[in-house]
Amino acid sequence: MDKKKFPQWIADRIENGTAQVFPHGTVKVIPLRTMAEKLASMTLDELEGFANRRRYAPDLPRWTDSERAAILARKYELERGK
């Protein structure tokens, strides 16, 4: 790939290894994560949006009792960590 087509700041990042170039049409597929993995990676603000997702998309299914309990447990864990 010809690096001259990129702006200098991108070319520098490619050279340093902090950016990668992929062929057109390349798609990075992120594997599905479990509920526990999703919750473990969230901040308190992200968790609030995740837990109240039906506020923004009412057609989504309601949380089950076990999912709601896991969300609340993670919320309390994050609040205690502050």
N, C-alpha and C. Protein backbone atom coordinates (compact mmCIF):
# COMPACT_ATOMS: atom_id res chain seq x y z
N MET A 1 0.85 -1.17 0.00
CA MET A 1 0.00 0.00 0.00
C MET A 1 0.89 1.24 0.00
N ASP A 2 0.53 2.21 -0.77
CA ASP A 2 1.31 3.44 -0.91
C ASP A 2 0.99 4.39 0.25
N LYS A 3 1.97 4.64 1.12
CA LYS A 3 1.76 5.50 2.29
C LYS A 3 1.61 6.97 1.91
N LYS A 4 1.98 7.35 0.69
CA LYS A 4 1.88 8.75 0.28
C LYS A 4 0.43 9.20 0.17
N LYS A 5 -0.51 8.27 0.06
CA LYS A 5 -1.92 8.62 -0.05
C LYS A 5 -2.49 9.08 1.29
N PHE A 6 -1.83 8.74 2.38
CA PHE A 6 -2.32 9.09 3.71
C PHE A 6 -1.77 10.45 4.14
N PRO A 7 -2.52 11.19 4.97
CA PRO A 7 -1.96 12.41 5.57
C PRO A 7 -0.73 12.04 6.41
N GLN A 8 0.11 12.99 6.65
CA GLN A 8 1.37 12.71 7.34
C GLN A 8 1.18 12.12 8.73
N TRP A 9 0.19 12.62 9.48
CA TRP A 9 -0.01 12.12 10.84
C TRP A 9 -0.42 10.65 10.83
N ILE A 10 -1.18 10.22 9.81
CA ILE A 10 -1.55 8.81 9.70
C ILE A 10 -0.34 7.98 9.28
N ALA A 11 0.41 8.51 8.32
CA ALA A 11 1.62 7.81 7.87
C ALA A 11 2.58 7.59 9.04
N ASP A 12 2.69 8.61 9.92
CA ASP A 12 3.56 8.49 11.10
C ASP A 12 3.07 7.38 12.02
N ARG A 13 1.77 7.31 12.22
CA ARG A 13 1.22 6.27 13.09
C ARG A 13 1.41 4.88 12.49
N ILE A 14 1.25 4.76 11.20
CA ILE A 14 1.49 3.48 10.54
C ILE A 14 2.94 3.07 10.72
N GLU A 15 3.84 4.02 10.53
CA GLU A 15 5.27 3.77 10.68
C GLU A 15 5.63 3.35 12.11
N ASN A 16 4.99 4.00 13.12
CA ASN A 16 5.28 3.69 14.52
C ASN A 16 4.60 2.41 15.00
N GLY A 17 3.64 1.93 14.22
CA GLY A 17 2.92 0.72 14.61
C GLY A 17 1.71 0.98 15.47
N THR A 18 1.30 2.25 15.63
CA THR A 18 0.12 2.56 16.43
C THR A 18 -1.15 2.59 15.59
N ALA A 19 -1.02 2.42 14.27
CA ALA A 19 -2.18 2.31 13.38
C ALA A 19 -1.91 1.18 12.40
N GLN A 20 -2.97 0.56 11.96
CA GLN A 20 -2.84 -0.53 11.00
C GLN A 20 -3.66 -0.21 9.76
N VAL A 21 -3.23 -0.75 8.64
CA VAL A 21 -3.95 -0.57 7.39
C VAL A 21 -4.50 -1.92 6.97
N PHE A 22 -5.78 -1.94 6.65
CA PHE A 22 -6.44 -3.17 6.21
C PHE A 22 -7.01 -2.94 4.82
N PRO A 23 -7.11 -3.98 4.01
CA PRO A 23 -7.70 -3.83 2.68
C PRO A 23 -9.15 -3.37 2.79
N HIS A 24 -9.61 -2.67 1.78
CA HIS A 24 -11.00 -2.20 1.73
C HIS A 24 -11.96 -3.38 1.87
N GLY A 25 -12.97 -3.21 2.70
CA GLY A 25 -13.96 -4.26 2.89
C GLY A 25 -13.65 -5.19 4.04
N THR A 26 -12.53 -5.00 4.72
CA THR A 26 -12.18 -5.84 5.86
C THR A 26 -13.09 -5.49 7.03
N VAL A 27 -13.62 -6.51 7.67
CA VAL A 27 -14.52 -6.31 8.79
C VAL A 27 -13.96 -7.05 10.00
N LYS A 28 -13.90 -6.36 11.11
CA LYS A 28 -13.46 -7.00 12.35
C LYS A 28 -14.70 -7.45 13.10
N VAL A 29 -14.83 -8.74 13.29
CA VAL A 29 -15.99 -9.29 13.98
C VAL A 29 -15.64 -9.46 15.45
N ILE A 30 -16.45 -8.86 16.30
CA ILE A 30 -16.25 -8.98 17.74
C ILE A 30 -17.09 -10.14 18.23
N PRO A 31 -16.49 -11.12 18.87
CA PRO A 31 -17.26 -12.27 19.34
C PRO A 31 -18.30 -11.87 20.38
N LEU A 32 -19.38 -12.62 20.45
CA LEU A 32 -20.41 -12.34 21.44
C LEU A 32 -19.84 -12.51 22.84
N ARG A 33 -20.31 -11.66 23.75
CA ARG A 33 -19.85 -11.73 25.13
C ARG A 33 -21.03 -12.12 26.01
N THR A 34 -20.71 -12.70 27.13
CA THR A 34 -21.75 -13.05 28.08
C THR A 34 -22.19 -11.79 28.82
N MET A 35 -23.31 -11.89 29.50
CA MET A 35 -23.82 -10.76 30.28
C MET A 35 -22.79 -10.34 31.34
N ALA A 36 -22.17 -11.32 31.99
CA ALA A 36 -21.17 -11.02 33.02
C ALA A 36 -19.97 -10.28 32.44
N GLU A 37 -19.52 -10.67 31.25
CA GLU A 37 -18.39 -9.99 30.61
C GLU A 37 -18.76 -8.56 30.23
N LYS A 38 -19.97 -8.36 29.73
CA LYS A 38 -20.41 -7.01 29.38
C LYS A 38 -20.45 -6.13 30.63
N LEU A 39 -21.06 -6.64 31.69
CA LEU A 39 -21.19 -5.86 32.92
C LEU A 39 -19.82 -5.53 33.52
N ALA A 40 -18.91 -6.48 33.46
CA ALA A 40 -17.58 -6.29 34.05
C ALA A 40 -16.79 -5.19 33.34
N SER A 41 -17.10 -4.95 32.06
CA SER A 41 -16.32 -3.96 31.31
C SER A 41 -16.93 -2.56 31.34
N MET A 42 -18.08 -2.39 32.01
CA MET A 42 -18.79 -1.11 31.98
C MET A 42 -18.43 -0.19 33.14
N THR A 43 -18.49 1.11 32.84
CA THR A 43 -18.41 2.13 33.88
C THR A 43 -19.81 2.37 34.41
N LEU A 44 -19.94 3.17 35.44
CA LEU A 44 -21.25 3.45 36.02
C LEU A 44 -22.17 4.16 35.03
N ASP A 45 -21.63 5.10 34.26
CA ASP A 45 -22.44 5.80 33.26
C ASP A 45 -22.91 4.87 32.15
N GLU A 46 -22.02 4.01 31.67
CA GLU A 46 -22.40 3.05 30.65
C GLU A 46 -23.45 2.08 31.17
N LEU A 47 -23.29 1.68 32.41
CA LEU A 47 -24.23 0.75 33.02
C LEU A 47 -25.62 1.38 33.11
N GLU A 48 -25.69 2.67 33.41
CA GLU A 48 -26.99 3.35 33.50
C GLU A 48 -27.71 3.31 32.15
N GLY A 49 -27.00 3.59 31.08
CA GLY A 49 -27.59 3.55 29.75
C GLY A 49 -27.98 2.14 29.34
N PHE A 50 -27.15 1.18 29.70
CA PHE A 50 -27.41 -0.22 29.38
C PHE A 50 -28.65 -0.71 30.12
N ALA A 51 -28.73 -0.39 31.41
CA ALA A 51 -29.85 -0.86 32.23
C ALA A 51 -31.17 -0.22 31.79
N ASN A 52 -31.12 1.02 31.34
CA ASN A 52 -32.32 1.75 30.96
C ASN A 52 -32.47 1.86 29.45
N ARG A 53 -32.05 0.85 28.74
CA ARG A 53 -32.05 0.88 27.28
C ARG A 53 -33.45 1.03 26.69
N ARG A 54 -34.48 0.57 27.39
CA ARG A 54 -35.85 0.66 26.87
C ARG A 54 -36.35 2.10 26.85
N ARG A 55 -35.69 2.98 27.57
CA ARG A 55 -36.04 4.40 27.51
C ARG A 55 -35.78 4.94 26.11
N TYR A 56 -34.77 4.39 25.45
CA TYR A 56 -34.37 4.86 24.13
C TYR A 56 -34.92 3.98 23.01
N ALA A 57 -35.20 2.73 23.31
CA ALA A 57 -35.74 1.79 22.32
C ALA A 57 -36.80 0.93 23.01
N PRO A 58 -38.03 1.42 23.12
CA PRO A 58 -39.07 0.74 23.89
C PRO A 58 -39.44 -0.65 23.39
N ASP A 59 -39.09 -0.98 22.15
CA ASP A 59 -39.44 -2.28 21.61
C ASP A 59 -38.52 -3.41 22.07
N LEU A 60 -37.45 -3.08 22.78
CA LEU A 60 -36.54 -4.11 23.30
C LEU A 60 -37.22 -4.90 24.42
N PRO A 61 -36.85 -6.16 24.60
CA PRO A 61 -37.47 -6.95 25.66
C PRO A 61 -37.05 -6.47 27.05
N ARG A 62 -37.89 -6.72 28.02
CA ARG A 62 -37.57 -6.36 29.41
C ARG A 62 -36.46 -7.28 29.93
N TRP A 63 -35.73 -6.77 30.93
CA TRP A 63 -34.71 -7.60 31.57
C TRP A 63 -35.39 -8.71 32.37
N THR A 64 -34.77 -9.88 32.41
CA THR A 64 -35.28 -10.94 33.28
C THR A 64 -34.89 -10.61 34.71
N ASP A 65 -35.47 -11.32 35.67
CA ASP A 65 -35.14 -11.06 37.08
C ASP A 65 -33.67 -11.31 37.37
N SER A 66 -33.10 -12.35 36.77
CA SER A 66 -31.68 -12.64 37.02
C SER A 66 -30.78 -11.59 36.37
N GLU A 67 -31.14 -11.09 35.19
CA GLU A 67 -30.35 -10.04 34.54
C GLU A 67 -30.44 -8.75 35.35
N ARG A 68 -31.62 -8.43 35.83
CA ARG A 68 -31.80 -7.22 36.64
C ARG A 68 -30.97 -7.31 37.92
N ALA A 69 -30.96 -8.48 38.54
CA ALA A 69 -30.16 -8.66 39.76
C ALA A 69 -28.67 -8.50 39.47
N ALA A 70 -28.21 -9.01 38.33
CA ALA A 70 -26.79 -8.87 37.96
C ALA A 70 -26.44 -7.41 37.70
N ILE A 71 -27.34 -6.67 37.05
CA ILE A 71 -27.09 -5.26 36.78
C ILE A 71 -27.02 -4.47 38.09
N LEU A 72 -27.95 -4.74 39.00
CA LEU A 72 -27.94 -4.04 40.28
C LEU A 72 -26.70 -4.39 41.11
N ALA A 73 -26.29 -5.65 41.06
CA ALA A 73 -25.09 -6.06 41.80
C ALA A 73 -23.87 -5.32 41.27
N ARG A 74 -23.77 -5.19 39.94
CA ARG A 74 -22.64 -4.47 39.34
C ARG A 74 -22.69 -2.98 39.70
N LYS A 75 -23.90 -2.41 39.73
CA LYS A 75 -24.07 -1.01 40.10
C LYS A 75 -23.56 -0.77 41.52
N TYR A 76 -23.96 -1.62 42.45
CA TYR A 76 -23.53 -1.48 43.84
C TYR A 76 -22.01 -1.67 43.95
N GLU A 77 -21.48 -2.60 43.18
CA GLU A 77 -20.03 -2.84 43.19
C GLU A 77 -19.27 -1.59 42.72
N LEU A 78 -19.77 -0.97 41.64
CA LEU A 78 -19.12 0.24 41.12
C LEU A 78 -19.25 1.41 42.09
N GLU A 79 -20.41 1.54 42.72
CA GLU A 79 -20.61 2.64 43.68
C GLU A 79 -19.72 2.48 44.90
N ARG A 80 -19.52 1.26 45.35
CA ARG A 80 -18.64 1.03 46.50
C ARG A 80 -17.18 1.30 46.14
N GLY A 81 -16.84 1.13 44.87
CA GLY A 81 -15.46 1.33 44.42
C GLY A 81 -15.06 2.78 44.32
N LYS A 82 -16.03 3.70 44.36
CA LYS A 82 -15.72 5.13 44.22
C LYS A 82 -15.09 5.68 45.47
